[in-house]
Amino acid sequence: MLNDIHLIGNLGSKPELTTSSKGVTIVNFSMAVNEKVKGEDRSQWFRCVAFGKQAEYIHRTCIRGTRVYIEGPHRSETYNDKERWIVTVNKIICISGKKDY
């Protein structure tokens, strides 16, 4: 089965870097994907997580507002009675980076 999502959007938060008890680097951030529906702008929000060298790259390169392309598997979960999407980032391309802001 294929469970891959491809998104282009903007980081809605500064990437938060942590290290697991086993020494794995983890970064978490939110991402907004915008679309027009019947002439109105609408944003779909995703929680994103990356590990290892990819996490370090994202933390070093991206800030809130950075435009990125990401791909990876996704899943949904319920949080505070709301459904949200979680994407595990396997690939990221920064379309705009820190130096653009």
C-alpha atoms as a PDB file:
ATOM      1  CA  MET A   1       0.000   0.000   0.000  1.00  0.00           C
ATOM      2  CA  LEU A   2       1.079   3.561  -0.639  1.00  0.00           C
ATOM      3  CA  ASN A   3       0.531   6.184   2.050  1.00  0.00           C
ATOM      4  CA  ASP A   4       2.463   9.187   0.788  1.00  0.00           C
ATOM      5  CA  ILE A   5       1.438  12.828   0.756  1.00  0.00           C
ATOM      6  CA  HIS A   6       3.109  15.687  -1.158  1.00  0.00           C
ATOM      7  CA  LEU A   7       2.536  19.229   0.135  1.00  0.00           C
ATOM      8  CA  ILE A   8       3.678  22.776  -0.587  1.00  0.00           C
ATOM      9  CA  GLY A   9       2.985  25.290   2.145  1.00  0.00           C
ATOM     10  CA  ASN A  10       4.404  27.560   4.834  1.00  0.00           C
ATOM     11  CA  LEU A  11       5.689  26.710   8.289  1.00  0.00           C
ATOM     12  CA  GLY A  12       3.239  28.010  10.858  1.00  0.00           C
ATOM     13  CA  SER A  13       5.645  27.645  13.755  1.00  0.00           C
ATOM     14  CA  LYS A  14       9.348  27.652  14.480  1.00  0.00           C
ATOM     15  CA  PRO A  15      10.666  24.060  14.258  1.00  0.00           C
ATOM     16  CA  GLU A  16      11.064  22.626  17.780  1.00  0.00           C
ATOM     17  CA  LEU A  17      14.156  20.449  18.144  1.00  0.00           C
ATOM     18  CA  THR A  18      14.350  17.729  20.802  1.00  0.00           C
ATOM     19  CA  THR A  19      16.383  14.599  21.404  1.00  0.00           C
ATOM     20  CA  SER A  20      14.832  11.268  22.344  1.00  0.00           C
ATOM     21  CA  SER A  21      16.068   9.172  25.276  1.00  0.00           C
ATOM     22  CA  LYS A  22      17.903   7.028  22.703  1.00  0.00           C
ATOM     23  CA  GLY A  23      19.728  10.064  21.267  1.00  0.00           C
ATOM     24  CA  VAL A  24      17.620  10.496  18.109  1.00  0.00           C
ATOM     25  CA  THR A  25      17.154  14.107  17.002  1.00  0.00           C
ATOM     26  CA  ILE A  26      13.485  15.013  16.425  1.00  0.00           C
ATOM     27  CA  VAL A  27      11.943  18.185  15.021  1.00  0.00           C
ATOM     28  CA  ASN A  28       8.240  19.098  15.141  1.00  0.00           C
ATOM     29  CA  PHE A  29       6.520  21.957  13.313  1.00  0.00           C
ATOM     30  CA  SER A  30       3.151  22.959  11.910  1.00  0.00           C
ATOM     31  CA  MET A  31       2.555  23.662   8.239  1.00  0.00           C
ATOM     32  CA  ALA A  32      -0.301  25.461   6.470  1.00  0.00           C
ATOM     33  CA  VAL A  33      -1.356  24.575   2.931  1.00  0.00           C
ATOM     34  CA  ASN A  34      -3.527  27.269   1.354  1.00  0.00           C
ATOM     35  CA  GLU A  35      -6.186  26.852  -1.308  1.00  0.00           C
ATOM     36  CA  LYS A  36      -9.024  28.839  -2.827  1.00  0.00           C
ATOM     37  CA  VAL A  37     -12.510  27.358  -2.480  1.00  0.00           C
ATOM     38  CA  LYS A  38     -15.322  29.247  -4.222  1.00  0.00           C
ATOM     39  CA  GLY A  39     -13.208  32.412  -4.186  1.00  0.00           C
ATOM     40  CA  GLU A  40     -12.326  32.187  -0.486  1.00  0.00           C
ATOM     41  CA  ASP A  41      -8.871  31.459   0.906  1.00  0.00           C
ATOM     42  CA  ARG A  42      -8.754  28.412   3.151  1.00  0.00           C
ATOM     43  CA  SER A  43      -5.856  26.840   5.077  1.00  0.00           C
ATOM     44  CA  GLN A  44      -5.407  23.185   5.932  1.00  0.00           C
ATOM     45  CA  TRP A  45      -3.019  22.593   8.848  1.00  0.00           C
ATOM     46  CA  PHE A  46      -0.642  19.664   9.281  1.00  0.00           C
ATOM     47  CA  ARG A  47       1.659  18.651  12.143  1.00  0.00           C
ATOM     48  CA  CYS A  48       5.006  17.492  10.778  1.00  0.00           C
ATOM     49  CA  VAL A  49       7.795  15.464  12.359  1.00  0.00           C
ATOM     50  CA  ALA A  50      11.277  14.581  11.086  1.00  0.00           C
ATOM     51  CA  PHE A  51      14.162  12.600  12.549  1.00  0.00           C
ATOM     52  CA  GLY A  52      17.967  12.510  12.500  1.00  0.00           C
ATOM     53  CA  LYS A  53      19.920  14.560   9.975  1.00  0.00           C
ATOM     54  CA  GLN A  54      16.681  15.666   8.308  1.00  0.00           C
ATOM     55  CA  ALA A  55      15.497  17.122  11.645  1.00  0.00           C
ATOM     56  CA  GLU A  56      18.788  18.970  12.106  1.00  0.00           C
ATOM     57  CA  TYR A  57      18.573  20.376   8.547  1.00  0.00           C
ATOM     58  CA  ILE A  58      15.015  21.640   9.096  1.00  0.00           C
ATOM     59  CA  HIS A  59      15.926  23.243  12.427  1.00  0.00           C
ATOM     60  CA  ARG A  60      18.974  24.952  10.875  1.00  0.00           C
ATOM     61  CA  THR A  61      17.302  26.079   7.643  1.00  0.00           C
ATOM     62  CA  CYS A  62      13.619  26.811   8.310  1.00  0.00           C
ATOM     63  CA  ILE A  63      11.766  29.407  10.375  1.00  0.00           C
ATOM     64  CA  ARG A  64       8.109  30.354  10.750  1.00  0.00           C
ATOM     65  CA  GLY A  65       6.842  31.392   7.313  1.00  0.00           C
ATOM     66  CA  THR A  66       9.397  29.395   5.309  1.00  0.00           C
ATOM     67  CA  ARG A  67       7.804  27.947   2.163  1.00  0.00           C
ATOM     68  CA  VAL A  68       8.585  24.236   1.787  1.00  0.00           C
ATOM     69  CA  TYR A  69       7.753  21.158  -0.237  1.00  0.00           C
ATOM     70  CA  ILE A  70       7.464  18.005   1.872  1.00  0.00           C
ATOM     71  CA  GLU A  71       6.601  14.404   1.245  1.00  0.00           C
ATOM     72  CA  GLY A  72       6.107  11.406   3.482  1.00  0.00           C
ATOM     73  CA  PRO A  73       3.501   9.126   5.026  1.00  0.00           C
ATOM     74  CA  HIS A  74       0.594  10.671   6.917  1.00  0.00           C
ATOM     75  CA  ARG A  75      -1.943   9.620   9.526  1.00  0.00           C
ATOM     76  CA  SER A  76      -4.785  11.247  11.373  1.00  0.00           C
ATOM     77  CA  GLU A  77      -5.323  11.477  15.107  1.00  0.00           C
ATOM     78  CA  THR A  78      -7.806  13.140  17.412  1.00  0.00           C
ATOM     79  CA  TYR A  79      -6.466  15.888  19.672  1.00  0.00           C
ATOM     80  CA  ASN A  80      -8.731  18.017  21.913  1.00  0.00           C
ATOM     81  CA  ASP A  81     -11.776  16.585  20.094  1.00  0.00           C
ATOM     82  CA  LYS A  82     -10.412  17.716  16.711  1.00  0.00           C
ATOM     83  CA  GLU A  83      -8.976  15.577  13.961  1.00  0.00           C
ATOM     84  CA  ARG A  84      -5.494  16.562  12.804  1.00  0.00           C
ATOM     85  CA  TRP A  85      -3.027  15.215  10.256  1.00  0.00           C
ATOM     86  CA  ILE A  86       0.498  14.151  11.173  1.00  0.00           C
ATOM     87  CA  VAL A  87       3.114  13.891   8.398  1.00  0.00           C
ATOM     88  CA  THR A  88       6.436  12.094   8.887  1.00  0.00           C
ATOM     89  CA  VAL A  89       8.798  14.059   6.653  1.00  0.00           C
ATOM     90  CA  ASN A  90      10.892  11.826   4.388  1.00  0.00           C
ATOM     91  CA  LYS A  91      11.846  14.604   1.964  1.00  0.00           C
ATOM     92  CA  ILE A  92      11.883  18.389   2.273  1.00  0.00           C
ATOM     93  CA  ILE A  93      12.867  21.153  -0.118  1.00  0.00           C
ATOM     94  CA  CYS A  94      13.045  24.681   1.260  1.00  0.00           C
ATOM     95  CA  ILE A  95      11.595  26.982  -1.368  1.00  0.00           C
ATOM     96  CA  SER A  96      12.469  30.002   0.787  1.00  0.00           C
ATOM     97  CA  GLY A  97      14.819  29.972   3.750  1.00  0.00           C
ATOM     98  CA  LYS A  98      16.113  32.086   6.633  1.00  0.00           C
ATOM     99  CA  LYS A  99      18.045  34.427   4.371  1.00  0.00           C
ATOM    100  CA  ASP A 100      14.796  35.386   2.580  1.00  0.00           C
ATOM    101  CA  TYR A 101      13.342  36.928   5.754  1.00  0.00           C
END
